[in-house]
Protein backbone atom coordinates (compact mmCIF):
# COMPACT_ATOMS: atom_id res chain seq x y z
CA MET A 1 104.23 90.36 97.55
CA ASN A 2 101.20 89.54 95.41
CA ARG A 3 97.89 90.20 97.08
CA ILE A 4 94.89 87.87 96.76
CA LYS A 5 92.54 89.34 94.15
CA VAL A 6 88.89 89.04 95.20
CA LEU A 7 85.69 89.65 93.25
CA ILE A 8 82.56 90.25 95.37
CA VAL A 9 79.21 89.22 93.85
CA ASP A 10 76.12 90.22 95.83
CA ASP A 11 72.86 91.93 94.89
CA SER A 12 72.88 94.06 98.08
CA ALA A 13 74.81 97.32 97.79
CA VAL A 14 75.11 97.44 101.58
CA VAL A 15 76.65 93.95 101.74
CA ARG A 16 78.96 94.70 98.81
CA GLN A 17 80.27 97.77 100.63
CA ALA A 18 80.63 95.95 103.95
CA MET A 19 82.50 93.06 102.30
CA THR A 20 84.70 95.52 100.41
CA ASP A 21 85.58 97.37 103.62
CA ILE A 22 86.29 94.16 105.54
CA LEU A 23 88.44 92.54 102.84
CA SER A 24 90.28 95.75 101.92
CA SER A 25 91.33 96.17 105.55
CA ASP A 26 93.63 93.16 105.17
CA PRO A 27 96.90 94.04 103.39
CA ALA A 28 97.09 90.53 101.91
CA ILE A 29 93.81 91.03 100.00
CA GLU A 30 92.84 93.27 97.10
CA VAL A 31 89.21 93.72 96.07
CA VAL A 32 89.27 93.95 92.27
CA GLY A 33 85.54 94.38 91.78
CA ALA A 34 82.06 94.21 93.28
CA ALA A 35 79.17 93.12 91.05
CA ARG A 36 75.46 93.03 91.82
CA ASP A 37 74.80 89.93 89.70
CA PRO A 38 76.65 87.16 87.83
CA TYR A 39 76.27 88.87 84.43
CA LEU A 40 78.17 91.93 85.62
CA ALA A 41 80.66 89.65 87.39
CA VAL A 42 81.46 87.95 84.07
CA GLU A 43 82.11 91.34 82.46
CA ARG A 44 84.50 92.23 85.27
CA MET A 45 86.26 88.86 84.99
CA LYS A 46 87.03 89.63 81.33
CA GLU A 47 89.20 92.49 82.61
CA VAL A 48 90.82 90.73 85.58
CA VAL A 49 90.65 87.11 86.69
CA PRO A 50 90.23 86.97 90.48
CA ASP A 51 91.98 84.50 92.74
CA VAL A 52 88.81 84.11 94.82
CA ILE A 53 85.13 84.94 94.30
CA THR A 54 82.75 85.63 97.17
CA LEU A 55 79.29 84.73 95.92
CA ASP A 56 75.83 85.46 97.29
CA VAL A 57 73.50 82.44 97.30
CA GLU A 58 70.30 84.23 96.28
CA MET A 59 70.36 86.88 93.53
CA PRO A 60 68.06 88.09 90.74
CA ARG A 61 68.67 87.27 87.04
CA MET A 62 70.90 84.30 87.94
CA ASP A 63 71.18 82.64 91.35
CA GLY A 64 74.53 81.90 92.95
CA ILE A 65 74.27 78.13 92.54
CA THR A 66 73.77 78.35 88.78
CA PHE A 67 76.67 80.76 88.46
CA LEU A 68 78.83 78.48 90.61
CA GLN A 69 78.11 75.54 88.32
CA LYS A 70 79.09 77.60 85.28
CA ILE A 71 82.34 78.70 86.95
CA MET A 72 83.30 75.16 87.92
CA SER A 73 82.52 73.73 84.48
CA GLN A 74 84.20 76.46 82.44
CA HIS A 75 86.97 78.04 84.53
CA PRO A 76 87.30 76.57 88.05
CA LEU A 77 88.08 79.19 90.68
CA PRO A 78 87.94 79.11 94.48
CA VAL A 79 84.47 80.32 95.48
CA VAL A 80 83.35 81.28 99.00
CA MET A 81 79.56 81.34 99.35
CA VAL A 82 78.10 84.21 101.37
CA SER A 83 74.75 83.42 102.94
CA SER A 84 72.27 84.84 105.43
CA LEU A 85 72.11 81.20 106.60
CA THR A 86 68.43 80.90 107.27
CA GLU A 87 67.07 77.41 107.92
CA ASN A 88 65.14 77.56 104.64
CA GLY A 89 68.26 78.28 102.61
CA SER A 90 70.54 75.70 104.18
CA GLU A 91 69.90 72.94 101.62
CA THR A 92 70.79 75.32 98.78
CA THR A 93 74.04 76.18 100.52
CA PHE A 94 74.92 72.49 100.91
CA LYS A 95 74.44 72.05 97.17
CA ALA A 96 76.96 74.84 96.63
CA LEU A 97 79.54 72.92 98.67
CA GLU A 98 78.80 69.75 96.70
CA TYR A 99 79.22 71.66 93.44
CA GLY A 100 82.68 72.86 94.39
CA ALA A 101 82.43 75.92 96.65
CA VAL A 102 85.37 75.97 99.05
CA ASP A 103 83.65 77.47 102.09
CA ILE A 104 80.55 79.19 103.44
CA ILE A 105 80.52 82.39 105.49
CA GLN A 106 77.78 84.45 107.07
CA LYS A 107 76.83 87.84 105.74
CA PRO A 108 78.21 90.57 108.01
CA LYS A 109 75.67 92.12 110.36
CA LEU A 110 76.08 95.86 110.26
CA GLY A 111 75.93 97.94 113.41
CA VAL A 112 77.08 95.16 115.76
CA LYS A 113 80.65 96.10 116.70
CA GLN A 114 81.75 92.76 118.17
CA PHE A 115 80.19 90.79 115.32
CA LEU A 116 81.92 92.96 112.73
CA GLU A 117 85.29 92.60 114.48
CA GLU A 118 84.95 88.81 114.52
CA SER A 119 83.51 88.81 110.99
CA LYS A 120 86.63 90.57 109.76
CA ILE A 121 88.82 87.75 111.05
CA ILE A 122 86.55 84.95 109.82
CA ILE A 123 85.82 86.43 106.38
CA CYS A 124 89.44 87.34 105.63
CA ASP A 125 90.66 83.93 106.79
CA ALA A 126 88.06 82.18 104.61
CA VAL A 127 89.27 84.08 101.55
CA LYS A 128 92.92 83.30 102.33
CA ALA A 129 92.09 79.61 102.80
CA ALA A 130 90.19 79.55 99.51
CA ALA A 131 93.19 81.03 97.71
CA ARG A 132 95.22 78.04 98.92
CA ALA A 133 92.71 75.42 97.83
CA HIS A 134 94.08 72.64 95.61
CA MET A 135 92.25 73.94 92.53
CA LYS A 136 94.55 76.98 92.62
CA LYS A 137 98.30 77.43 92.92
CA ALA A 138 99.24 78.25 96.51
CA VAL A 139 99.68 81.95 97.22
CA LEU A 140 102.20 83.60 99.47
CA LYS A 141 101.60 83.68 103.21
CA PRO A 142 99.42 86.48 104.57
CA LEU A 143 101.17 89.77 105.18
CA HIS A 144 99.09 90.51 108.23
CA VAL A 145 98.12 88.17 111.05
CA GLN A 146 95.50 89.01 113.64
CA PRO A 147 96.37 88.16 117.26
CA LYS A 148 94.91 84.82 118.27
CA LEU A 149 94.10 83.26 121.60
CA THR A 150 95.00 79.72 122.65
CA ALA A 151 92.78 77.14 124.30
CA ASP A 152 93.87 78.60 127.66
CA ALA A 153 91.09 81.16 127.14
CA VAL A 154 88.47 78.41 127.55
CA ILE A 155 90.05 75.44 129.36
CA SER A 156 93.28 75.11 131.35
CA LYS A 157 95.96 72.65 130.25
CA VAL A 158 96.05 69.07 131.53
CA THR A 159 98.20 68.85 134.67
CA SER A 160 97.71 65.16 135.49
CA LYS A 161 97.43 61.99 133.44
CA ALA A 162 95.30 60.29 136.09
CA MET A 163 92.38 58.57 134.37
CA VAL A 164 89.70 56.20 135.53
CA GLU A 165 89.83 53.09 133.34
CA THR A 166 86.98 52.48 130.92
CA THR A 167 86.47 50.25 127.93
CA GLU A 168 84.68 52.91 125.88
CA ARG A 169 86.52 54.85 123.18
CA VAL A 170 85.56 58.36 122.13
CA VAL A 171 86.62 60.14 118.95
CA ALA A 172 87.35 63.87 118.71
CA ILE A 173 87.51 65.31 115.17
CA GLY A 174 88.48 68.73 113.84
CA ALA A 175 88.06 70.13 110.31
CA SER A 176 87.80 73.44 108.49
CA THR A 177 88.04 74.42 104.80
CA GLY A 178 86.80 71.48 102.72
CA GLY A 179 85.67 69.69 105.85
CA THR A 180 81.94 69.51 105.17
CA GLU A 181 82.37 67.15 102.24
CA ALA A 182 85.27 65.31 103.92
CA LEU A 183 83.14 64.65 107.00
CA ARG A 184 80.24 63.44 104.86
CA GLU A 185 82.49 60.94 103.11
CA PHE A 186 83.95 59.79 106.44
CA LEU A 187 80.66 59.46 108.32
CA GLU A 188 78.73 57.79 105.49
CA VAL A 189 80.81 54.61 105.74
CA LEU A 190 80.70 54.21 109.52
CA PRO A 191 78.71 51.29 110.99
CA GLN A 192 75.78 51.88 113.31
CA ASP A 193 77.82 50.93 116.40
CA ALA A 194 80.84 53.18 115.69
CA PRO A 195 82.47 54.81 118.74
CA GLY A 196 80.86 58.01 120.03
CA MET A 197 82.23 61.11 118.30
CA VAL A 198 82.39 64.86 118.84
CA ILE A 199 83.22 67.03 115.82
CA VAL A 200 84.29 70.64 115.45
CA GLN A 201 83.81 71.85 111.88
CA HIS A 202 84.54 75.55 111.45
CA MET A 203 81.11 76.73 110.36
CA PRO A 204 78.88 79.73 111.04
CA GLU A 205 76.05 79.84 113.55
CA HIS A 206 72.73 78.24 112.41
CA PHE A 207 74.47 76.26 109.67
CA THR A 208 75.68 73.45 111.97
CA ARG A 209 72.17 72.24 112.88
CA ALA A 210 71.18 71.90 109.22
CA PHE A 211 74.52 70.21 108.53
CA ALA A 212 73.95 67.69 111.34
CA ASN A 213 70.37 67.01 110.24
CA ARG A 214 71.49 66.41 106.68
CA LEU A 215 74.18 63.96 107.77
CA ASP A 216 71.72 62.20 110.07
CA GLY A 217 69.54 61.49 107.06
CA ILE A 218 72.29 59.78 105.04
CA CYS A 219 74.42 58.02 107.70
CA ARG A 220 73.89 54.85 109.71
CA VAL A 221 75.17 56.58 112.84
CA SER A 222 72.95 59.16 114.56
CA VAL A 223 74.13 62.74 113.93
CA LYS A 224 72.92 65.83 115.79
CA GLU A 225 74.04 69.32 116.69
CA ALA A 226 75.54 69.16 120.18
CA GLU A 227 73.55 70.53 123.08
CA ASN A 228 74.84 71.07 126.59
CA ASP A 229 75.01 67.77 128.56
CA ASP A 230 74.42 65.53 125.51
CA THR A 231 75.86 62.07 126.20
CA VAL A 232 78.61 60.73 123.94
CA ILE A 233 77.74 57.10 123.24
CA ARG A 234 78.34 54.49 120.56
CA GLY A 235 76.49 55.18 117.35
CA ARG A 236 76.11 58.92 118.04
CA VAL A 237 77.98 61.82 116.44
CA LEU A 238 77.72 65.31 117.94
CA ILE A 239 78.51 68.37 115.80
CA ALA A 240 79.68 71.46 117.72
CA PRO A 241 77.23 74.33 117.19
CA GLY A 242 78.51 77.34 115.29
CA ALA A 243 79.66 80.31 117.40
CA ARG A 244 79.99 78.20 120.59
CA HIS A 245 82.84 76.10 121.96
CA THR A 246 82.18 72.40 122.63
CA LEU A 247 84.16 70.43 125.20
CA LEU A 248 84.23 66.73 126.01
CA LYS A 249 83.58 66.06 129.70
CA ARG A 250 83.33 62.95 131.88
CA SER A 251 81.38 61.92 134.96
CA GLY A 252 82.31 58.43 136.12
CA ALA A 253 82.05 56.20 133.05
CA ARG A 254 79.78 58.68 131.22
CA TYR A 255 81.13 61.00 128.56
CA TYR A 256 79.12 64.11 127.73
CA VAL A 257 79.64 67.52 126.16
CA GLU A 258 79.66 71.03 127.54
CA VAL A 259 78.62 73.77 125.11
CA LYS A 260 79.73 77.21 126.19
CA ASP A 261 80.40 80.75 125.04
CA GLY A 262 83.88 82.25 124.91
CA PRO A 263 86.30 84.24 122.78
CA LEU A 264 87.67 83.15 119.42
CA VAL A 265 90.41 80.56 120.02
CA CYS A 266 92.96 80.12 117.23
CA ARG A 267 90.70 82.60 115.41
CA HIS A 268 87.70 80.26 115.63
CA ARG A 269 84.63 79.51 117.71
CA PRO A 270 84.09 76.60 117.98
CA SER A 271 87.79 75.75 118.20
CA VAL A 272 89.37 72.36 117.54
CA ASP A 273 92.08 73.09 120.11
CA VAL A 274 89.44 73.54 122.81
CA LEU A 275 87.79 70.20 121.94
CA PHE A 276 91.11 68.35 121.71
CA ARG A 277 92.38 69.73 125.02
CA SER A 278 89.19 68.62 126.75
CA ALA A 279 89.56 65.17 125.18
CA ALA A 280 93.13 64.97 126.46
CA ARG A 281 92.00 65.90 129.95
CA TYR A 282 88.84 63.81 130.29
CA ALA A 283 89.39 60.86 127.93
CA GLY A 284 93.18 60.49 127.77
CA LYS A 285 94.19 57.14 126.30
CA ASN A 286 90.54 56.27 125.70
CA ALA A 287 90.39 58.94 122.98
CA ILE A 288 91.12 58.94 119.26
CA GLY A 289 91.92 62.28 117.65
CA VAL A 290 91.37 63.06 113.97
CA ILE A 291 92.42 66.25 112.20
CA MET A 292 91.18 66.91 108.67
CA THR A 293 91.48 69.44 105.88
CA GLY A 294 91.65 73.12 106.81
CA MET A 295 93.79 76.23 106.84
CA GLY A 296 95.77 77.37 109.86
CA ASP A 297 96.88 75.54 112.97
CA ASP A 298 93.72 75.14 115.05
CA GLY A 299 93.90 71.69 116.61
CA ALA A 300 97.65 71.10 116.24
CA LYS A 301 98.60 71.90 119.84
CA GLY A 302 95.47 70.21 121.14
CA MET A 303 96.30 67.05 119.20
CA LEU A 304 99.79 67.03 120.70
CA GLU A 305 98.19 67.22 124.15
CA MET A 306 95.95 64.29 123.20
CA LYS A 307 98.92 62.21 122.07
CA GLU A 308 100.85 63.06 125.23
CA ALA A 309 97.83 61.91 127.24
CA GLY A 310 97.92 58.53 125.47
CA ALA A 311 95.37 59.04 122.69
CA PHE A 312 95.82 57.62 119.20
CA THR A 313 95.98 60.45 116.66
CA ILE A 314 95.23 60.54 112.92
CA ALA A 315 95.78 63.21 110.25
CA GLN A 316 94.34 63.40 106.75
CA ASP A 317 97.07 63.24 104.11
CA GLU A 318 97.99 66.11 101.79
CA ASN A 319 96.67 64.62 98.54
CA SER A 320 93.12 64.24 99.85
CA CYS A 321 92.96 67.63 101.64
CA VAL A 322 91.45 70.72 100.06
CA VAL A 323 93.87 72.72 102.22
CA PHE A 324 96.73 70.87 103.94
CA GLY A 325 97.12 73.38 106.75
CA MET A 326 95.75 72.00 110.02
CA PRO A 327 96.94 68.40 109.46
CA ASN A 328 100.37 69.60 108.38
CA GLU A 329 100.78 71.77 111.48
CA ALA A 330 99.90 68.81 113.70
CA ILE A 331 102.33 66.58 111.81
CA LYS A 332 105.13 69.15 112.18
CA LEU A 333 104.56 69.21 115.95
CA GLY A 334 104.99 65.44 116.13
CA ALA A 335 101.38 65.13 117.28
CA VAL A 336 100.25 62.52 114.73
CA ASP A 337 100.53 58.73 114.96
CA SER A 338 99.10 57.94 111.52
CA VAL A 339 98.75 59.97 108.28
CA VAL A 340 96.16 58.46 105.94
CA PRO A 341 94.04 59.46 102.93
CA LEU A 342 90.46 60.52 103.57
CA ASP A 343 88.99 57.21 102.39
CA HIS A 344 91.11 55.30 104.94
CA ILE A 345 90.29 57.41 108.01
CA ALA A 346 87.12 55.52 108.95
CA ARG A 347 88.88 52.15 108.79
CA THR A 348 91.79 53.49 110.87
CA VAL A 349 89.43 54.87 113.52
CA LEU A 350 87.48 51.60 113.72
CA ASN A 351 90.68 49.56 113.98
CA HIS A 352 91.61 51.54 117.10
CA GLY A 353 88.09 51.97 118.48
């Protein structure tokens, strides 16, 4: 089976070695080169064209954004941006996603065993997802799959459909690869009084706050990174913080969120399955579930639980997805009531909200 060929571009020799070790540990991935700047990367690409490039944001001689623009204008390839994700650099990273980068991952922190173990899963999965992006022909399925936990690790399954009646609707949304731009397009068209929403976008720690702040500046709804006990109300969108699970809870007629630590669920933290299960339990038929572009199956089982609890469920269609993984898995489970293109999701939500 053909392995995914990856070129690593980073000015740090330590990061290049760490990325090489992490990616080479996966039998589905082959590192074909590691360059310290874009000029050397171009020379390597003359010898072998990679399936995926991992690209540092800040480098000497030519920065990652400039190189990304050249790649996308001359020979489009799936690019995963690798960033230290400081607050100061967040806007630059968003520009990379706008210019065509498939995903953003955090630079591995050396010497922290648990972080490196989780980084291995997240980094390898990001590369595999990028290789499946619509700009490239789909590759064969991974040869090696890491064990993954279910939502049981964070919240037990719904055992009763008992639900106090309320007139308020709440919307739970899950997205991964390609989701940052999909969510921007979705949220930008919502009216100021749209139903309260909680979103899990697979994204590294520290990046989610900048993402929420950016959306808040361009949308009519209020957007913020979720904090423990934040109320879910009309006109407010809460983005799950990176590296922490976010659950929808209810006290009387009040919906709020719980933000908590926990293991990776479906290979992610935050996990869409965790959010969707909590929505099934605490909102039931008052909920609307939306699953968007992304690789893997995080959210599929949770969406089925939402549908079984009486929620209305929506999946983004294949043509408008960067990676038709998560929506497709939910569709195959029979968990989806409506499959619509990205530009119709907002209207569909509002029609049922």
